[in-house]
N, C-alpha and C. Protein backbone atom coordinates (compact mmCIF):
# COMPACT_ATOMS: atom_id res chain seq x y z
N MET A 1 16.51 -12.66 23.17
CA MET A 1 16.18 -12.56 21.62
C MET A 1 14.64 -12.50 21.42
N ARG A 2 13.91 -11.60 20.72
CA ARG A 2 12.44 -11.73 20.62
C ARG A 2 12.45 -11.22 19.49
N ILE A 3 11.03 -11.58 18.62
CA ILE A 3 10.53 -11.25 17.09
C ILE A 3 9.92 -9.88 17.45
N ASN A 4 10.38 -8.74 16.79
CA ASN A 4 9.48 -7.46 16.83
C ASN A 4 8.77 -7.24 15.58
N LEU A 5 9.61 -7.62 14.36
CA LEU A 5 9.04 -7.48 13.04
C LEU A 5 8.74 -8.32 12.22
N ALA A 6 7.91 -8.32 11.76
CA ALA A 6 7.79 -9.60 10.74
C ALA A 6 7.00 -8.77 9.20
N SER A 7 7.95 -9.01 8.06
CA SER A 7 7.42 -8.51 6.86
C SER A 7 6.35 -9.45 5.87
N LEU A 8 5.70 -8.74 5.49
CA LEU A 8 4.87 -9.39 4.65
C LEU A 8 4.64 -8.49 3.12
N LEU A 9 5.04 -9.21 2.06
CA LEU A 9 5.40 -8.31 0.76
C LEU A 9 3.86 -8.34 0.13
N VAL A 10 3.31 -7.29 -0.12
CA VAL A 10 2.08 -6.67 -0.68
C VAL A 10 2.20 -5.98 -1.91
N ASP A 11 1.17 -6.06 -2.71
CA ASP A 11 1.44 -5.37 -4.14
C ASP A 11 0.62 -3.92 -4.33
N ASP A 12 0.28 -3.54 -2.96
CA ASP A 12 -0.34 -2.06 -2.90
C ASP A 12 -0.46 -2.05 -1.07
N GLN A 13 0.23 -1.05 -0.82
CA GLN A 13 0.27 -0.72 0.42
C GLN A 13 -1.03 -0.28 1.14
N GLU A 14 -1.83 0.74 0.20
CA GLU A 14 -2.74 1.50 0.64
C GLU A 14 -3.92 0.44 0.59
N LYS A 15 -4.04 -0.52 -0.31
CA LYS A 15 -5.23 -1.77 -0.13
C LYS A 15 -4.65 -2.75 0.89
N ALA A 16 -3.18 -2.88 0.97
CA ALA A 16 -3.19 -3.86 2.17
C ALA A 16 -3.49 -3.36 3.41
N LEU A 17 -3.38 -1.96 3.62
CA LEU A 17 -3.33 -1.53 4.89
C LEU A 17 -5.17 -1.49 5.29
N ARG A 18 -5.99 -0.96 4.22
CA ARG A 18 -7.45 -1.28 4.50
C ARG A 18 -7.72 -2.47 4.53
N PHE A 19 -7.32 -3.55 4.00
CA PHE A 19 -7.51 -5.02 4.22
C PHE A 19 -7.22 -5.41 5.44
N TYR A 20 -6.01 -5.05 6.04
CA TYR A 20 -5.56 -5.79 7.30
C TYR A 20 -6.13 -4.88 8.45
N THR A 21 -6.66 -3.63 8.19
CA THR A 21 -7.38 -3.00 9.49
C THR A 21 -8.74 -3.19 9.24
N GLU A 22 -9.39 -3.01 8.11
CA GLU A 22 -10.85 -3.18 8.07
C GLU A 22 -11.45 -4.34 8.17
N LYS A 23 -10.79 -5.21 7.40
CA LYS A 23 -11.30 -6.77 7.27
C LYS A 23 -10.75 -7.52 8.68
N LEU A 24 -9.18 -7.68 8.78
CA LEU A 24 -8.75 -8.37 9.92
C LEU A 24 -8.92 -7.82 11.10
N GLY A 25 -9.06 -6.58 11.28
CA GLY A 25 -8.95 -5.81 12.50
C GLY A 25 -7.82 -5.42 13.31
N PHE A 26 -6.75 -5.47 12.34
CA PHE A 26 -5.46 -5.17 12.83
C PHE A 26 -5.45 -3.62 13.14
N LEU A 27 -4.47 -2.85 13.92
CA LEU A 27 -4.33 -1.52 13.97
C LEU A 27 -3.12 -0.96 13.20
N LYS A 28 -3.13 0.31 12.56
CA LYS A 28 -2.01 0.76 11.94
C LYS A 28 -1.18 1.49 13.40
N LYS A 29 -0.20 0.88 13.28
CA LYS A 29 1.01 1.37 14.41
C LYS A 29 2.09 2.60 13.72
N THR A 30 2.55 2.22 12.69
CA THR A 30 3.56 3.10 12.30
C THR A 30 3.45 3.40 10.86
N GLU A 31 3.43 4.79 10.39
CA GLU A 31 3.66 5.19 9.22
C GLU A 31 4.55 6.18 8.90
N VAL A 32 5.56 5.94 8.11
CA VAL A 32 6.56 6.69 7.88
C VAL A 32 6.72 6.94 6.31
N PRO A 33 6.87 8.04 5.79
CA PRO A 33 6.80 8.18 4.15
C PRO A 33 8.22 7.91 3.86
N LEU A 34 8.47 7.34 2.91
CA LEU A 34 9.97 7.11 2.26
C LEU A 34 9.69 7.26 0.90
N GLY A 35 9.69 8.26 0.34
CA GLY A 35 9.45 8.57 -0.96
C GLY A 35 8.18 8.12 -1.61
N GLU A 36 8.26 7.20 -2.54
CA GLU A 36 7.02 6.60 -3.18
C GLU A 36 6.32 5.65 -2.43
N TYR A 37 7.03 5.15 -1.32
CA TYR A 37 6.39 3.92 -0.47
C TYR A 37 6.50 4.46 0.80
N ARG A 38 6.05 3.77 2.21
CA ARG A 38 5.98 4.07 3.40
C ARG A 38 6.64 2.89 4.27
N TRP A 39 7.10 3.25 5.48
CA TRP A 39 7.35 2.07 6.42
C TRP A 39 5.85 2.05 7.07
N LEU A 40 5.24 1.14 6.94
CA LEU A 40 3.89 0.74 7.49
C LEU A 40 4.08 -0.27 8.05
N THR A 41 3.26 -0.26 9.34
CA THR A 41 3.08 -1.58 10.14
C THR A 41 1.84 -1.47 10.72
N VAL A 42 1.24 -2.76 11.18
CA VAL A 42 -0.27 -3.00 11.84
C VAL A 42 0.22 -3.77 12.80
N VAL A 43 -0.66 -3.73 13.82
CA VAL A 43 -0.34 -4.69 15.16
C VAL A 43 -1.75 -5.19 15.54
N SER A 44 -1.60 -6.38 16.17
CA SER A 44 -3.03 -6.88 16.78
C SER A 44 -3.51 -5.93 18.06
N PRO A 45 -4.80 -5.86 17.81
CA PRO A 45 -5.25 -5.11 18.70
C PRO A 45 -5.16 -5.80 20.28
N GLU A 46 -5.07 -6.76 20.16
CA GLU A 46 -4.95 -7.61 21.64
C GLU A 46 -3.45 -7.43 21.91
N GLU A 47 -2.57 -7.29 21.30
CA GLU A 47 -0.97 -6.94 21.54
C GLU A 47 -0.38 -5.66 20.98
N PRO A 48 -1.01 -4.63 21.12
CA PRO A 48 -0.71 -3.20 20.36
C PRO A 48 1.00 -2.98 20.67
N ASP A 49 1.66 -3.47 21.74
CA ASP A 49 3.20 -3.23 21.84
C ASP A 49 3.71 -4.48 21.42
N GLY A 50 3.25 -5.75 20.84
CA GLY A 50 3.76 -6.75 20.41
C GLY A 50 4.24 -6.75 18.93
N VAL A 51 4.37 -7.75 18.16
CA VAL A 51 4.96 -7.90 16.86
C VAL A 51 4.43 -6.98 16.01
N GLU A 52 5.07 -6.19 15.11
CA GLU A 52 4.60 -5.37 14.38
C GLU A 52 4.79 -6.39 12.74
N LEU A 53 3.48 -5.84 12.46
CA LEU A 53 3.68 -6.76 10.78
C LEU A 53 3.91 -5.57 9.61
N VAL A 54 5.03 -5.68 9.04
CA VAL A 54 5.19 -4.69 8.09
C VAL A 54 4.64 -5.13 6.77
N LEU A 55 3.87 -3.90 6.18
CA LEU A 55 3.53 -4.19 4.89
C LEU A 55 4.34 -3.68 3.69
N GLU A 56 5.14 -4.60 3.23
CA GLU A 56 6.23 -4.12 2.29
C GLU A 56 5.99 -4.28 1.45
N PRO A 57 6.18 -3.19 0.51
CA PRO A 57 6.00 -3.15 -0.98
C PRO A 57 6.86 -4.47 -1.90
N ASP A 58 6.03 -5.05 -2.50
CA ASP A 58 6.83 -6.09 -3.00
C ASP A 58 7.85 -5.84 -4.29
N VAL A 59 7.37 -4.51 -4.95
CA VAL A 59 7.82 -3.91 -6.23
C VAL A 59 9.57 -3.66 -5.69
N ALA A 60 9.81 -3.55 -4.64
CA ALA A 60 11.14 -3.40 -3.96
C ALA A 60 11.86 -4.36 -4.17
N VAL A 61 11.45 -5.77 -4.15
CA VAL A 61 12.20 -7.08 -4.41
C VAL A 61 12.04 -7.62 -5.89
N PRO A 62 12.71 -7.65 -6.84
CA PRO A 62 12.35 -8.24 -8.08
C PRO A 62 11.61 -9.53 -8.11
N ALA A 63 12.26 -10.65 -7.11
CA ALA A 63 11.88 -11.70 -7.18
C ALA A 63 10.57 -12.08 -6.28
N ALA A 64 9.59 -10.96 -5.71
CA ALA A 64 9.16 -11.10 -4.64
C ALA A 64 7.56 -11.74 -5.38
N ARG A 65 7.26 -11.21 -6.60
CA ARG A 65 6.21 -11.43 -7.32
C ARG A 65 5.96 -12.77 -7.60
N ALA A 66 7.31 -13.32 -8.08
CA ALA A 66 7.14 -14.74 -8.68
C ALA A 66 7.10 -15.63 -7.32
N TYR A 67 7.79 -15.26 -6.48
CA TYR A 67 7.67 -16.05 -5.32
C TYR A 67 6.13 -16.17 -4.61
N LYS A 68 5.69 -15.01 -4.55
CA LYS A 68 4.34 -14.93 -4.09
C LYS A 68 3.30 -15.92 -5.01
N GLU A 69 3.61 -15.40 -6.27
CA GLU A 69 2.78 -16.39 -7.11
C GLU A 69 3.02 -17.84 -7.20
N ALA A 70 4.04 -18.21 -6.84
CA ALA A 70 4.32 -19.71 -6.94
C ALA A 70 3.57 -20.35 -5.66
N LEU A 71 3.72 -19.46 -4.38
CA LEU A 71 3.26 -19.88 -3.33
C LEU A 71 1.53 -20.11 -3.41
N VAL A 72 0.66 -19.04 -3.94
CA VAL A 72 -0.52 -18.89 -4.28
C VAL A 72 -0.85 -20.13 -5.23
N GLU A 73 -0.19 -20.40 -6.34
CA GLU A 73 -0.66 -21.56 -7.22
C GLU A 73 -0.38 -22.52 -6.40
N ALA A 74 0.40 -23.03 -5.63
CA ALA A 74 0.64 -24.14 -4.81
C ALA A 74 -0.37 -24.27 -3.82
N GLY A 75 -1.07 -23.18 -3.46
CA GLY A 75 -2.08 -23.15 -2.34
C GLY A 75 -1.43 -23.07 -0.86
N ILE A 76 -0.23 -22.49 -0.78
CA ILE A 76 0.40 -22.25 0.55
C ILE A 76 0.42 -20.84 0.87
N PRO A 77 0.00 -21.14 2.41
CA PRO A 77 -0.08 -19.60 2.74
C PRO A 77 1.25 -18.88 3.16
N LEU A 78 1.23 -17.68 3.05
CA LEU A 78 2.53 -17.19 3.51
C LEU A 78 2.94 -17.01 4.85
N THR A 79 1.86 -17.04 5.47
CA THR A 79 1.93 -16.71 7.02
C THR A 79 0.73 -17.28 7.76
N SER A 80 0.90 -17.29 9.09
CA SER A 80 -0.28 -17.66 9.85
C SER A 80 -0.83 -16.71 10.98
N PHE A 81 -1.92 -16.73 11.13
CA PHE A 81 -2.35 -15.75 12.37
C PHE A 81 -3.30 -16.69 13.31
N ALA A 82 -3.25 -16.46 14.45
CA ALA A 82 -3.69 -17.42 15.61
C ALA A 82 -5.04 -16.68 16.06
N VAL A 83 -6.23 -17.50 16.10
CA VAL A 83 -7.52 -16.84 16.21
C VAL A 83 -8.23 -17.98 17.41
N ASP A 84 -8.99 -17.54 18.29
CA ASP A 84 -9.66 -18.13 19.28
C ASP A 84 -10.35 -19.27 18.84
N ASP A 85 -11.07 -18.90 17.65
CA ASP A 85 -12.12 -19.76 17.28
C ASP A 85 -12.29 -19.51 15.61
N VAL A 86 -11.55 -20.44 14.86
CA VAL A 86 -11.40 -20.42 13.61
C VAL A 86 -12.78 -20.21 12.70
N ARG A 87 -13.86 -21.23 13.18
CA ARG A 87 -15.18 -20.85 12.45
C ARG A 87 -15.72 -19.63 12.69
N ALA A 88 -15.74 -19.01 14.05
CA ALA A 88 -16.45 -17.97 13.87
C ALA A 88 -15.70 -17.03 13.18
N ALA A 89 -14.25 -16.86 13.49
CA ALA A 89 -13.68 -15.86 12.44
C ALA A 89 -13.70 -16.22 10.95
N HIS A 90 -13.97 -17.33 10.39
CA HIS A 90 -14.59 -17.41 9.26
C HIS A 90 -15.66 -17.10 8.94
N GLU A 91 -16.48 -16.97 9.84
CA GLU A 91 -17.90 -16.69 9.61
C GLU A 91 -18.06 -14.97 9.33
N ARG A 92 -17.30 -14.32 10.32
CA ARG A 92 -17.13 -12.94 10.38
C ARG A 92 -16.64 -12.33 9.22
N LEU A 93 -15.51 -13.08 8.57
CA LEU A 93 -14.70 -12.45 7.40
C LEU A 93 -15.57 -12.58 6.23
N VAL A 94 -16.35 -13.84 6.13
CA VAL A 94 -17.19 -14.13 4.88
C VAL A 94 -18.20 -12.92 4.93
N GLY A 95 -18.48 -12.90 6.06
CA GLY A 95 -19.67 -11.71 6.18
C GLY A 95 -18.84 -10.17 5.48
N LEU A 96 -17.79 -10.20 5.84
CA LEU A 96 -17.12 -8.92 5.30
C LEU A 96 -16.52 -8.83 3.86
N GLY A 97 -17.07 -9.83 3.22
CA GLY A 97 -16.52 -10.18 1.75
C GLY A 97 -15.20 -10.89 1.70
N VAL A 98 -14.56 -11.34 2.61
CA VAL A 98 -13.25 -12.14 2.41
C VAL A 98 -13.46 -13.33 1.72
N ARG A 99 -12.77 -13.62 0.84
CA ARG A 99 -12.33 -14.95 0.10
C ARG A 99 -11.68 -15.72 0.73
N PHE A 100 -12.23 -17.14 0.72
CA PHE A 100 -11.68 -18.00 1.38
C PHE A 100 -10.92 -19.31 0.46
N THR A 101 -9.93 -19.77 0.35
CA THR A 101 -9.53 -20.66 -0.53
C THR A 101 -9.60 -22.04 0.06
N GLN A 102 -9.69 -22.19 1.56
CA GLN A 102 -9.70 -23.22 2.36
C GLN A 102 -10.88 -23.11 3.56
N GLU A 103 -11.95 -23.68 3.49
CA GLU A 103 -12.59 -23.56 4.53
C GLU A 103 -12.26 -23.99 5.89
N PRO A 104 -12.77 -23.86 7.04
CA PRO A 104 -12.27 -24.26 8.07
C PRO A 104 -12.11 -25.80 8.15
N THR A 105 -10.88 -26.21 8.63
CA THR A 105 -10.64 -27.68 8.51
C THR A 105 -9.92 -28.40 9.92
N ASP A 106 -10.15 -29.34 10.21
CA ASP A 106 -9.71 -29.92 11.47
C ASP A 106 -8.43 -30.63 11.12
N MET A 107 -7.20 -29.93 11.72
CA MET A 107 -6.16 -31.02 11.26
C MET A 107 -5.51 -31.57 12.50
N GLY A 108 -6.12 -32.23 13.03
CA GLY A 108 -5.60 -32.87 14.71
C GLY A 108 -5.71 -31.67 15.79
N PRO A 109 -4.40 -31.29 16.29
CA PRO A 109 -4.56 -30.51 17.23
C PRO A 109 -4.61 -28.65 16.93
N VAL A 110 -4.96 -28.62 15.58
CA VAL A 110 -5.10 -27.36 15.10
C VAL A 110 -6.17 -27.41 14.16
N THR A 111 -7.11 -26.33 14.00
CA THR A 111 -8.35 -26.13 12.89
C THR A 111 -7.87 -24.96 12.14
N VAL A 112 -7.70 -25.04 10.73
CA VAL A 112 -7.21 -24.12 9.98
C VAL A 112 -8.21 -23.44 8.91
N ALA A 113 -8.05 -22.32 8.25
CA ALA A 113 -8.67 -21.64 7.01
C ALA A 113 -7.65 -20.97 6.41
N ILE A 114 -7.63 -20.87 5.09
CA ILE A 114 -6.70 -20.22 4.27
C ILE A 114 -7.66 -18.94 3.46
N LEU A 115 -7.20 -17.72 3.72
CA LEU A 115 -7.82 -16.58 3.24
C LEU A 115 -6.98 -15.94 1.98
N ASP A 116 -7.71 -15.06 0.98
CA ASP A 116 -6.93 -14.17 0.06
C ASP A 116 -6.81 -12.96 0.61
N ASP A 117 -5.64 -12.34 0.82
CA ASP A 117 -5.67 -11.06 1.50
C ASP A 117 -5.55 -9.85 0.38
N THR A 118 -5.95 -10.37 -0.81
CA THR A 118 -6.41 -9.30 -2.00
C THR A 118 -4.77 -8.63 -2.47
N CYS A 119 -3.79 -8.87 -1.64
CA CYS A 119 -2.58 -8.22 -1.94
C CYS A 119 -1.56 -9.35 -2.60
N GLY A 120 -2.04 -10.45 -2.98
CA GLY A 120 -1.04 -11.31 -3.42
C GLY A 120 -0.59 -12.37 -2.78
N ASN A 121 -1.37 -12.51 -1.44
CA ASN A 121 -1.01 -13.55 -0.41
C ASN A 121 -2.37 -14.63 0.32
N LEU A 122 -1.82 -15.71 0.20
CA LEU A 122 -2.55 -16.44 1.06
C LEU A 122 -2.36 -16.46 2.68
N ILE A 123 -3.35 -16.38 3.52
CA ILE A 123 -2.93 -15.96 4.76
C ILE A 123 -3.57 -17.31 5.52
N GLN A 124 -3.23 -18.03 6.34
CA GLN A 124 -3.67 -18.85 7.15
C GLN A 124 -4.26 -18.56 8.76
N ILE A 125 -5.60 -19.27 8.87
CA ILE A 125 -5.96 -18.79 10.22
C ILE A 125 -5.81 -19.76 10.95
N ALA A 126 -5.49 -19.99 12.30
CA ALA A 126 -5.23 -21.04 13.00
C ALA A 126 -5.87 -21.01 14.15
N GLN A 127 -6.63 -22.13 14.72
CA GLN A 127 -7.00 -22.22 16.19
C GLN A 127 -6.27 -23.46 16.79
N TYR A 128 -5.53 -23.10 17.61
CA TYR A 128 -4.67 -24.50 18.41
C TYR A 128 -5.82 -24.91 19.48
N ALA A 129 -5.52 -26.24 19.78
CA ALA A 129 -6.53 -26.82 20.65
C ALA A 129 -5.95 -26.65 22.14
């Protein structure tokens, strides 16, 4: 058994697609129209056949926005993405206008930073020693 999909609840699929491709560098993998919304996935360019991140509209789940708002208020990232160098990724993303809620921080065997994805989520980037 292996993970092939992971869902991320977003408040606007088009805005999310732009952020995750233009800012974070993911590639659009799948786009299937489903009425008002789409089955929309992105993948890492380093693993185009790897795990797909589903950009799931949060309006489809009534409790989703309250859940996301509670996580943001508590400063808790919804998920984490691995990077080779957190400080370099942070610098590149800041240059692209990405807002961070936590600067790169050494935490023992991992260095992390937390960014705002503009779609209602905090996302951690992590570098493992």
